[in-house]
C-alpha atoms as a PDB file:
ATOM      1  CA  MET A   1       0.000   0.000   0.000  1.00  0.00           C
ATOM      2  CA  GLN A   2       2.768   2.474   0.938  1.00  0.00           C
ATOM      3  CA  ILE A   3       4.688   1.605  -2.215  1.00  0.00           C
ATOM      4  CA  GLU A   4       1.656   2.349  -4.401  1.00  0.00           C
ATOM      5  CA  LEU A   5       0.907   5.549  -2.495  1.00  0.00           C
ATOM      6  CA  GLU A   6       4.429   6.895  -2.933  1.00  0.00           C
ATOM      7  CA  LYS A   7       4.436   6.053  -6.656  1.00  0.00           C
ATOM      8  CA  GLN A   8       1.494   8.440  -7.086  1.00  0.00           C
ATOM      9  CA  LEU A   9       3.266  11.411  -5.486  1.00  0.00           C
ATOM     10  CA  SER A  10       4.616  14.169  -7.692  1.00  0.00           C
ATOM     11  CA  PRO A  11       8.290  15.047  -7.155  1.00  0.00           C
ATOM     12  CA  ASP A  12       7.306  18.693  -7.691  1.00  0.00           C
ATOM     13  CA  ASP A  13       5.079  18.755  -4.597  1.00  0.00           C
ATOM     14  CA  ILE A  14       6.157  19.169  -0.999  1.00  0.00           C
ATOM     15  CA  VAL A  15       4.813  16.145   0.828  1.00  0.00           C
ATOM     16  CA  PHE A  16       5.386  15.050   4.401  1.00  0.00           C
ATOM     17  CA  LEU A  17       5.141  11.338   5.122  1.00  0.00           C
ATOM     18  CA  ASP A  18       4.771  10.158   8.696  1.00  0.00           C
ATOM     19  CA  ARG A  19       6.115   6.792   7.574  1.00  0.00           C
ATOM     20  CA  ALA A  20       7.820   5.974   4.300  1.00  0.00           C
ATOM     21  CA  ILE A  21       9.081   2.880   2.514  1.00  0.00           C
ATOM     22  CA  PRO A  22      12.387   2.717   4.448  1.00  0.00           C
ATOM     23  CA  ASP A  23      10.416   2.564   7.711  1.00  0.00           C
ATOM     24  CA  ALA A  24       8.915  -0.719   6.502  1.00  0.00           C
ATOM     25  CA  LEU A  25      12.424  -2.097   5.989  1.00  0.00           C
ATOM     26  CA  ALA A  26      13.315  -1.019   9.528  1.00  0.00           C
ATOM     27  CA  TYR A  27      10.304  -2.848  10.951  1.00  0.00           C
ATOM     28  CA  TYR A  28      11.156  -5.973   8.941  1.00  0.00           C
ATOM     29  CA  ARG A  29      14.599  -5.842  10.548  1.00  0.00           C
ATOM     30  CA  TYR A  30      13.196  -5.187  14.002  1.00  0.00           C
ATOM     31  CA  LEU A  31      10.841  -8.155  13.701  1.00  0.00           C
ATOM     32  CA  ASN A  32      13.491 -10.363  12.028  1.00  0.00           C
ATOM     33  CA  ILE A  33      11.284 -10.918   8.991  1.00  0.00           C
ATOM     34  CA  ILE A  34      12.719 -11.806   5.583  1.00  0.00           C
ATOM     35  CA  VAL A  35      12.378  -8.736   3.373  1.00  0.00           C
ATOM     36  CA  ASP A  36       9.566  -8.983   0.861  1.00  0.00           C
ATOM     37  CA  PRO A  37      10.845  -8.789  -2.753  1.00  0.00           C
ATOM     38  CA  LYS A  38       8.456  -5.880  -3.518  1.00  0.00           C
ATOM     39  CA  LEU A  39       9.931  -3.916  -0.614  1.00  0.00           C
ATOM     40  CA  ALA A  40      13.497  -4.712  -1.670  1.00  0.00           C
ATOM     41  CA  GLU A  41      12.694  -3.554  -5.211  1.00  0.00           C
ATOM     42  CA  ALA A  42      10.989  -0.388  -3.951  1.00  0.00           C
ATOM     43  CA  MET A  43      14.057   0.501  -1.889  1.00  0.00           C
ATOM     44  CA  HIS A  44      15.996   0.894  -5.151  1.00  0.00           C
ATOM     45  CA  SER A  45      13.506   3.302  -6.691  1.00  0.00           C
ATOM     46  CA  ILE A  46      12.732   5.703  -3.832  1.00  0.00           C
ATOM     47  CA  ALA A  47      13.873   9.301  -3.754  1.00  0.00           C
ATOM     48  CA  TYR A  48      13.381  11.859  -1.009  1.00  0.00           C
ATOM     49  CA  LYS A  49      14.657  15.429  -1.011  1.00  0.00           C
ATOM     50  CA  LYS A  50      15.161  15.378   2.776  1.00  0.00           C
ATOM     51  CA  VAL A  51      14.454  13.102   5.674  1.00  0.00           C
ATOM     52  CA  PHE A  52      13.448  14.474   9.044  1.00  0.00           C
ATOM     53  CA  ILE A  53      14.055  12.136  11.954  1.00  0.00           C
ATOM     54  CA  LEU A  54      12.325  13.359  15.069  1.00  0.00           C
ATOM     55  CA  ASP A  55      13.692  12.627  18.520  1.00  0.00           C
ATOM     56  CA  CYS A  56      11.380  10.349  20.463  1.00  0.00           C
ATOM     57  CA  LEU A  57       8.590  11.814  22.510  1.00  0.00           C
ATOM     58  CA  PRO A  58       7.761  10.319  25.892  1.00  0.00           C
ATOM     59  CA  LEU A  59       6.124   6.963  25.315  1.00  0.00           C
ATOM     60  CA  VAL A  60       2.331   6.819  25.540  1.00  0.00           C
ATOM     61  CA  GLN A  61       0.844   3.421  24.811  1.00  0.00           C
ATOM     62  CA  ASP A  62      -2.432   3.326  22.910  1.00  0.00           C
ATOM     63  CA  TYR A  63      -4.327   0.945  20.634  1.00  0.00           C
ATOM     64  CA  ALA A  64      -1.530   1.011  18.044  1.00  0.00           C
ATOM     65  CA  ARG A  65       1.640   1.512  20.064  1.00  0.00           C
ATOM     66  CA  ARG A  66       2.237  -1.468  22.312  1.00  0.00           C
ATOM     67  CA  GLU A  67       6.025  -1.266  22.587  1.00  0.00           C
ATOM     68  CA  ASP A  68       7.818  -0.439  25.806  1.00  0.00           C
ATOM     69  CA  GLU A  69      10.524   2.232  26.058  1.00  0.00           C
ATOM     70  CA  THR A  70      13.317  -0.239  25.269  1.00  0.00           C
ATOM     71  CA  ALA A  71      11.573  -1.376  22.091  1.00  0.00           C
ATOM     72  CA  GLN A  72      10.792   2.243  21.156  1.00  0.00           C
ATOM     73  CA  LYS A  73      14.490   3.127  21.369  1.00  0.00           C
ATOM     74  CA  LYS A  74      15.536   0.041  19.406  1.00  0.00           C
ATOM     75  CA  ILE A  75      13.005   0.737  16.631  1.00  0.00           C
ATOM     76  CA  HIS A  76      14.100   4.387  16.471  1.00  0.00           C
ATOM     77  CA  ALA A  77      17.752   3.329  16.166  1.00  0.00           C
ATOM     78  CA  ILE A  78      16.971   0.855  13.387  1.00  0.00           C
ATOM     79  CA  ILE A  79      14.896   3.422  11.485  1.00  0.00           C
ATOM     80  CA  THR A  80      17.715   5.962  11.853  1.00  0.00           C
ATOM     81  CA  ASN A  81      20.295   3.439  10.599  1.00  0.00           C
ATOM     82  CA  VAL A  82      18.173   2.504   7.591  1.00  0.00           C
ATOM     83  CA  TYR A  83      17.889   6.157   6.559  1.00  0.00           C
ATOM     84  CA  LYS A  84      21.607   6.759   7.187  1.00  0.00           C
ATOM     85  CA  SER A  85      22.342   3.959   4.719  1.00  0.00           C
ATOM     86  CA  LEU A  86      20.463   5.854   2.008  1.00  0.00           C
ATOM     87  CA  PRO A  87      21.729   8.826  -0.022  1.00  0.00           C
ATOM     88  CA  PHE A  88      19.265  11.391   1.317  1.00  0.00           C
ATOM     89  CA  PRO A  89      20.056  14.365   3.555  1.00  0.00           C
ATOM     90  CA  ILE A  90      18.934  13.731   7.131  1.00  0.00           C
ATOM     91  CA  ILE A  91      17.822  16.457   9.504  1.00  0.00           C
ATOM     92  CA  HIS A  92      17.470  15.458  13.163  1.00  0.00           C
ATOM     93  CA  VAL A  93      14.582  17.264  14.833  1.00  0.00           C
ATOM     94  CA  PRO A  94      15.100  17.749  18.573  1.00  0.00           C
ATOM     95  CA  LEU A  95      12.472  17.306  21.239  1.00  0.00           C
ATOM     96  CA  LEU A  96      10.545  20.585  21.136  1.00  0.00           C
ATOM     97  CA  LEU A  97       7.018  21.799  21.676  1.00  0.00           C
ATOM     98  CA  PRO A  98       4.811  20.888  18.687  1.00  0.00           C
ATOM     99  CA  HIS A  99       4.748  24.391  17.167  1.00  0.00           C
ATOM    100  CA  GLU A 100       8.523  24.652  17.635  1.00  0.00           C
ATOM    101  CA  ARG A 101       9.028  21.341  15.838  1.00  0.00           C
ATOM    102  CA  VAL A 102       6.910  22.633  12.966  1.00  0.00           C
ATOM    103  CA  ASP A 103       8.968  25.853  12.822  1.00  0.00           C
ATOM    104  CA  PHE A 104      12.216  23.860  12.939  1.00  0.00           C
ATOM    105  CA  ILE A 105      11.129  21.639  10.051  1.00  0.00           C
ATOM    106  CA  LEU A 106       9.836  24.537   7.939  1.00  0.00           C
ATOM    107  CA  LYS A 107      13.095  26.436   8.450  1.00  0.00           C
ATOM    108  CA  ASN A 108      15.031  23.361   7.256  1.00  0.00           C
ATOM    109  CA  LEU A 109      13.085  22.587   4.082  1.00  0.00           C
END
């Protein structure tokens, strides 16, 4: 689904993705799952102008987030390493108030 969604995006538009194709690779690694061939193929065709990696917020478990703090940190590290292995500029976004994070990102577009 993510692969198809990203294929439809125009490279001329500014688009923010909460999760992107490399995140899927990170979760495959975290869960020790063999990488799906479609994902492996998609990893060779992706292109992002910039990647913003946000520092972790305090953990709040809900219906979707069941990990503990240790798992949260491990997943964040794997995601960061996956993006570092790719040829896209990475901007680390520090822990700030929401409007300050927005300002930080907009100033670094």
